[in-house]
Amino acid sequence: MLLIGVIFLATIIIGVIASIFSFKASKYSIDEMKSSLKLRAYAISIICFGFIVHTAGDYFGGLYASENLELSLESIAHVIIFIAIILCTLSTKKIGDMTKEYKFK
């Protein structure tokens, strides 16, 4: 149980750090890429939240010994992570569309 608690705390700390760095990277970007990097920063924040919810399912499922709580939280987390992956894909598509005017292949 202690190991799951440490992993849960580490997930929260790393998620917050990754979110802060992603928004700082979008703040200091060039103007053409600002919108796609801001979308990517939101996606990273959402995926970090998804991982926190997923780890919370493991933590609270073991703490309360309730398999229903664990499965519910993990199922919700999978939907959150899927939404974040879609946002990452849209951000990558935006960057790819920007390079078409420069004829990059």
N, C-alpha and C. Protein backbone atom coordinates (compact mmCIF):
# COMPACT_ATOMS: atom_id res chain seq x y z
N MET A 1 0.82 -1.19 0.00
CA MET A 1 0.00 0.00 0.00
C MET A 1 0.86 1.25 0.00
N LEU A 2 2.00 1.18 0.67
CA LEU A 2 2.89 2.32 0.71
C LEU A 2 3.45 2.63 -0.67
N LEU A 3 3.77 1.58 -1.44
CA LEU A 3 4.30 1.77 -2.78
C LEU A 3 3.29 2.46 -3.68
N ILE A 4 2.03 2.09 -3.59
CA ILE A 4 1.00 2.73 -4.40
C ILE A 4 0.84 4.19 -3.99
N GLY A 5 0.95 4.47 -2.71
CA GLY A 5 0.89 5.86 -2.24
C GLY A 5 2.03 6.70 -2.77
N VAL A 6 3.23 6.13 -2.81
CA VAL A 6 4.39 6.85 -3.35
C VAL A 6 4.21 7.09 -4.84
N ILE A 7 3.72 6.07 -5.55
CA ILE A 7 3.48 6.22 -6.99
C ILE A 7 2.40 7.27 -7.25
N PHE A 8 1.36 7.30 -6.43
CA PHE A 8 0.29 8.29 -6.57
C PHE A 8 0.83 9.70 -6.36
N LEU A 9 1.63 9.88 -5.33
CA LEU A 9 2.23 11.19 -5.06
C LEU A 9 3.19 11.60 -6.18
N ALA A 10 3.98 10.66 -6.68
CA ALA A 10 4.91 10.96 -7.78
C ALA A 10 4.16 11.32 -9.05
N THR A 11 3.03 10.67 -9.30
CA THR A 11 2.22 10.99 -10.47
C THR A 11 1.69 12.41 -10.39
N ILE A 12 1.27 12.82 -9.23
CA ILE A 12 0.77 14.19 -9.05
C ILE A 12 1.90 15.19 -9.27
N ILE A 13 3.05 14.96 -8.67
CA ILE A 13 4.16 15.90 -8.77
C ILE A 13 4.66 16.00 -10.21
N ILE A 14 4.87 14.87 -10.87
CA ILE A 14 5.37 14.89 -12.24
C ILE A 14 4.33 15.49 -13.18
N GLY A 15 3.04 15.23 -12.94
CA GLY A 15 1.99 15.82 -13.75
C GLY A 15 1.96 17.33 -13.66
N VAL A 16 2.11 17.86 -12.47
CA VAL A 16 2.12 19.32 -12.29
C VAL A 16 3.35 19.92 -12.97
N ILE A 17 4.49 19.30 -12.81
CA ILE A 17 5.72 19.81 -13.44
C ILE A 17 5.60 19.77 -14.96
N ALA A 18 5.08 18.69 -15.52
CA ALA A 18 4.92 18.59 -16.98
C ALA A 18 3.94 19.63 -17.50
N SER A 19 2.87 19.88 -16.77
CA SER A 19 1.90 20.90 -17.19
C SER A 19 2.52 22.29 -17.17
N ILE A 20 3.27 22.60 -16.13
CA ILE A 20 3.91 23.91 -16.04
C ILE A 20 4.90 24.11 -17.18
N PHE A 21 5.72 23.11 -17.45
CA PHE A 21 6.70 23.23 -18.53
C PHE A 21 6.04 23.33 -19.90
N SER A 22 4.94 22.63 -20.10
CA SER A 22 4.28 22.69 -21.41
C SER A 22 3.67 24.07 -21.65
N PHE A 23 3.10 24.69 -20.62
CA PHE A 23 2.55 26.03 -20.80
C PHE A 23 3.66 27.07 -20.94
N LYS A 24 4.80 26.86 -20.29
CA LYS A 24 5.93 27.78 -20.47
C LYS A 24 6.49 27.67 -21.89
N ALA A 25 6.52 26.46 -22.44
CA ALA A 25 7.01 26.27 -23.80
C ALA A 25 6.08 26.95 -24.81
N SER A 26 4.79 26.91 -24.56
CA SER A 26 3.87 27.56 -25.49
C SER A 26 3.92 29.09 -25.35
N LYS A 27 4.31 29.57 -24.19
CA LYS A 27 4.40 31.01 -23.98
C LYS A 27 5.57 31.62 -24.75
N TYR A 28 6.67 30.90 -24.86
CA TYR A 28 7.86 31.42 -25.52
C TYR A 28 8.07 30.85 -26.92
N SER A 29 6.99 30.56 -27.63
CA SER A 29 7.11 29.98 -28.96
C SER A 29 7.00 31.07 -30.02
N ILE A 30 7.32 30.70 -31.27
CA ILE A 30 7.13 31.65 -32.36
C ILE A 30 5.65 31.77 -32.68
N ASP A 31 5.27 32.86 -33.30
CA ASP A 31 3.85 33.16 -33.47
C ASP A 31 3.11 32.13 -34.31
N GLU A 32 3.76 31.57 -35.33
CA GLU A 32 3.08 30.62 -36.20
C GLU A 32 2.70 29.34 -35.47
N MET A 33 3.47 28.96 -34.47
CA MET A 33 3.23 27.69 -33.78
C MET A 33 2.53 27.87 -32.44
N LYS A 34 2.19 29.10 -32.09
CA LYS A 34 1.63 29.36 -30.77
C LYS A 34 0.31 28.62 -30.54
N SER A 35 -0.56 28.58 -31.52
CA SER A 35 -1.87 27.94 -31.31
C SER A 35 -1.73 26.42 -31.17
N SER A 36 -0.85 25.82 -31.98
CA SER A 36 -0.70 24.37 -31.88
C SER A 36 0.02 23.97 -30.59
N LEU A 37 0.97 24.78 -30.15
CA LEU A 37 1.65 24.45 -28.89
C LEU A 37 0.76 24.68 -27.68
N LYS A 38 -0.13 25.65 -27.77
CA LYS A 38 -1.09 25.85 -26.67
C LYS A 38 -2.06 24.67 -26.60
N LEU A 39 -2.49 24.17 -27.77
CA LEU A 39 -3.35 22.98 -27.79
C LEU A 39 -2.60 21.78 -27.23
N ARG A 40 -1.32 21.66 -27.56
CA ARG A 40 -0.52 20.56 -27.03
C ARG A 40 -0.35 20.71 -25.52
N ALA A 41 -0.22 21.93 -25.01
CA ALA A 41 -0.10 22.14 -23.56
C ALA A 41 -1.38 21.72 -22.84
N TYR A 42 -2.53 22.04 -23.43
CA TYR A 42 -3.79 21.58 -22.83
C TYR A 42 -3.88 20.06 -22.85
N ALA A 43 -3.43 19.47 -23.95
CA ALA A 43 -3.47 18.00 -24.05
C ALA A 43 -2.57 17.36 -23.01
N ILE A 44 -1.41 17.92 -22.78
CA ILE A 44 -0.51 17.37 -21.77
C ILE A 44 -1.11 17.50 -20.38
N SER A 45 -1.75 18.63 -20.11
CA SER A 45 -2.40 18.80 -18.81
C SER A 45 -3.54 17.79 -18.62
N ILE A 46 -4.31 17.56 -19.68
CA ILE A 46 -5.42 16.61 -19.59
C ILE A 46 -4.89 15.19 -19.41
N ILE A 47 -3.82 14.83 -20.13
CA ILE A 47 -3.28 13.48 -19.99
C ILE A 47 -2.67 13.28 -18.60
N CYS A 48 -2.06 14.32 -18.04
CA CYS A 48 -1.55 14.21 -16.66
C CYS A 48 -2.69 14.00 -15.68
N PHE A 49 -3.79 14.72 -15.90
CA PHE A 49 -4.97 14.54 -15.04
C PHE A 49 -5.51 13.12 -15.18
N GLY A 50 -5.51 12.60 -16.40
CA GLY A 50 -5.97 11.23 -16.63
C GLY A 50 -5.12 10.21 -15.89
N PHE A 51 -3.80 10.40 -15.93
CA PHE A 51 -2.92 9.48 -15.21
C PHE A 51 -3.10 9.59 -13.70
N ILE A 52 -3.37 10.79 -13.21
CA ILE A 52 -3.62 10.97 -11.78
C ILE A 52 -4.91 10.24 -11.37
N VAL A 53 -5.95 10.37 -12.19
CA VAL A 53 -7.21 9.68 -11.89
C VAL A 53 -7.01 8.16 -11.96
N HIS A 54 -6.24 7.71 -12.94
CA HIS A 54 -5.99 6.27 -13.07
C HIS A 54 -5.23 5.73 -11.85
N THR A 55 -4.22 6.45 -11.41
CA THR A 55 -3.47 6.01 -10.24
C THR A 55 -4.31 6.14 -8.97
N ALA A 56 -5.20 7.13 -8.95
CA ALA A 56 -6.11 7.25 -7.80
C ALA A 56 -7.02 6.04 -7.71
N GLY A 57 -7.39 5.47 -8.85
CA GLY A 57 -8.19 4.25 -8.84
C GLY A 57 -7.46 3.11 -8.17
N ASP A 58 -6.17 2.96 -8.47
CA ASP A 58 -5.38 1.92 -7.80
C ASP A 58 -5.24 2.21 -6.31
N TYR A 59 -5.00 3.48 -5.98
CA TYR A 59 -4.76 3.85 -4.58
C TYR A 59 -6.03 3.66 -3.75
N PHE A 60 -7.15 4.23 -4.21
CA PHE A 60 -8.37 4.14 -3.42
C PHE A 60 -9.01 2.76 -3.49
N GLY A 61 -8.76 2.03 -4.58
CA GLY A 61 -9.27 0.67 -4.66
C GLY A 61 -8.61 -0.23 -3.64
N GLY A 62 -7.31 -0.05 -3.41
CA GLY A 62 -6.62 -0.84 -2.40
C GLY A 62 -6.92 -0.36 -0.99
N LEU A 63 -7.15 0.93 -0.85
CA LEU A 63 -7.40 1.50 0.47
C LEU A 63 -8.78 1.07 1.00
N TYR A 64 -9.76 1.13 0.14
CA TYR A 64 -11.12 0.78 0.55
C TYR A 64 -11.49 -0.64 0.18
N ALA A 65 -10.61 -1.35 -0.51
CA ALA A 65 -10.83 -2.73 -0.95
C ALA A 65 -12.12 -2.85 -1.75
N SER A 66 -12.36 -1.84 -2.58
CA SER A 66 -13.56 -1.83 -3.40
C SER A 66 -13.16 -1.92 -4.87
N GLU A 67 -13.49 -3.03 -5.47
CA GLU A 67 -13.13 -3.21 -6.88
C GLU A 67 -13.99 -2.32 -7.78
N ASN A 68 -15.21 -2.02 -7.36
CA ASN A 68 -16.08 -1.16 -8.16
C ASN A 68 -15.53 0.26 -8.26
N LEU A 69 -15.02 0.78 -7.15
CA LEU A 69 -14.43 2.12 -7.17
C LEU A 69 -13.21 2.15 -8.06
N GLU A 70 -12.37 1.15 -7.94
CA GLU A 70 -11.14 1.09 -8.74
C GLU A 70 -11.46 1.02 -10.23
N LEU A 71 -12.37 0.16 -10.61
CA LEU A 71 -12.72 0.01 -12.03
C LEU A 71 -13.42 1.25 -12.57
N SER A 72 -14.22 1.89 -11.75
CA SER A 72 -14.91 3.11 -12.20
C SER A 72 -13.92 4.24 -12.46
N LEU A 73 -13.02 4.46 -11.52
CA LEU A 73 -12.03 5.52 -11.71
C LEU A 73 -11.11 5.24 -12.89
N GLU A 74 -10.70 3.99 -13.05
CA GLU A 74 -9.81 3.67 -14.16
C GLU A 74 -10.53 3.77 -15.50
N SER A 75 -11.80 3.45 -15.55
CA SER A 75 -12.55 3.59 -16.79
C SER A 75 -12.71 5.06 -17.17
N ILE A 76 -13.00 5.90 -16.19
CA ILE A 76 -13.09 7.34 -16.44
C ILE A 76 -11.74 7.87 -16.90
N ALA A 77 -10.66 7.39 -16.30
CA ALA A 77 -9.32 7.84 -16.67
C ALA A 77 -8.99 7.46 -18.11
N HIS A 78 -9.43 6.29 -18.56
CA HIS A 78 -9.16 5.89 -19.94
C HIS A 78 -9.85 6.81 -20.93
N VAL A 79 -11.06 7.26 -20.61
CA VAL A 79 -11.75 8.20 -21.48
C VAL A 79 -11.02 9.54 -21.50
N ILE A 80 -10.55 10.00 -20.35
CA ILE A 80 -9.81 11.27 -20.28
C ILE A 80 -8.52 11.17 -21.08
N ILE A 81 -7.80 10.09 -20.96
CA ILE A 81 -6.56 9.91 -21.71
C ILE A 81 -6.84 9.84 -23.21
N PHE A 82 -7.93 9.21 -23.61
CA PHE A 82 -8.29 9.14 -25.02
C PHE A 82 -8.56 10.53 -25.58
N ILE A 83 -9.26 11.37 -24.83
CA ILE A 83 -9.51 12.75 -25.27
C ILE A 83 -8.21 13.51 -25.42
N ALA A 84 -7.27 13.31 -24.50
CA ALA A 84 -5.97 13.99 -24.58
C ALA A 84 -5.19 13.52 -25.80
N ILE A 85 -5.28 12.25 -26.14
CA ILE A 85 -4.57 11.75 -27.33
C ILE A 85 -5.17 12.35 -28.59
N ILE A 86 -6.49 12.52 -28.62
CA ILE A 86 -7.12 13.18 -29.77
C ILE A 86 -6.63 14.62 -29.90
N LEU A 87 -6.51 15.34 -28.78
CA LEU A 87 -5.99 16.71 -28.82
C LEU A 87 -4.54 16.76 -29.29
N CYS A 88 -3.73 15.79 -28.88
CA CYS A 88 -2.34 15.72 -29.37
C CYS A 88 -2.31 15.49 -30.87
N THR A 89 -3.20 14.64 -31.36
CA THR A 89 -3.27 14.38 -32.79
C THR A 89 -3.68 15.63 -33.56
N LEU A 90 -4.65 16.37 -33.05
CA LEU A 90 -5.07 17.61 -33.70
C LEU A 90 -3.94 18.64 -33.71
N SER A 91 -3.19 18.71 -32.63
CA SER A 91 -2.06 19.63 -32.56
C SER A 91 -0.99 19.27 -33.58
N THR A 92 -0.71 17.98 -33.71
CA THR A 92 0.27 17.53 -34.69
C THR A 92 -0.21 17.80 -36.11
N LYS A 93 -1.50 17.64 -36.35
CA LYS A 93 -2.05 17.93 -37.67
C LYS A 93 -1.92 19.41 -37.99
N LYS A 94 -2.14 20.27 -37.00
CA LYS A 94 -1.97 21.71 -37.21
C LYS A 94 -0.54 22.04 -37.62
N ILE A 95 0.42 21.45 -36.93
CA ILE A 95 1.83 21.71 -37.25
C ILE A 95 2.14 21.18 -38.65
N GLY A 96 1.61 20.01 -39.00
CA GLY A 96 1.84 19.46 -40.33
C GLY A 96 1.24 20.33 -41.42
N ASP A 97 0.05 20.90 -41.17
CA ASP A 97 -0.58 21.78 -42.15
C ASP A 97 0.21 23.08 -42.33
N MET A 98 0.85 23.55 -41.27
CA MET A 98 1.66 24.76 -41.37
C MET A 98 2.89 24.57 -42.24
N THR A 99 3.42 23.37 -42.27
CA THR A 99 4.65 23.13 -43.04
C THR A 99 4.37 22.93 -44.53
N LYS A 100 3.11 22.77 -44.93
CA LYS A 100 2.81 22.55 -46.35
C LYS A 100 3.18 23.75 -47.20
N GLU A 101 3.10 24.94 -46.67
CA GLU A 101 3.47 26.11 -47.47
C GLU A 101 4.97 26.19 -47.72
N TYR A 102 5.74 25.51 -46.92
CA TYR A 102 7.20 25.47 -47.12
C TYR A 102 7.64 24.25 -47.92
N LYS A 103 6.68 23.44 -48.36
CA LYS A 103 6.92 22.25 -49.20
C LYS A 103 7.73 21.18 -48.49
N PHE A 104 7.61 21.06 -47.18
CA PHE A 104 8.27 19.98 -46.46
C PHE A 104 7.46 18.71 -46.66
N LYS A 105 8.16 17.61 -46.86
CA LYS A 105 7.47 16.33 -47.08
C LYS A 105 7.91 15.32 -46.09
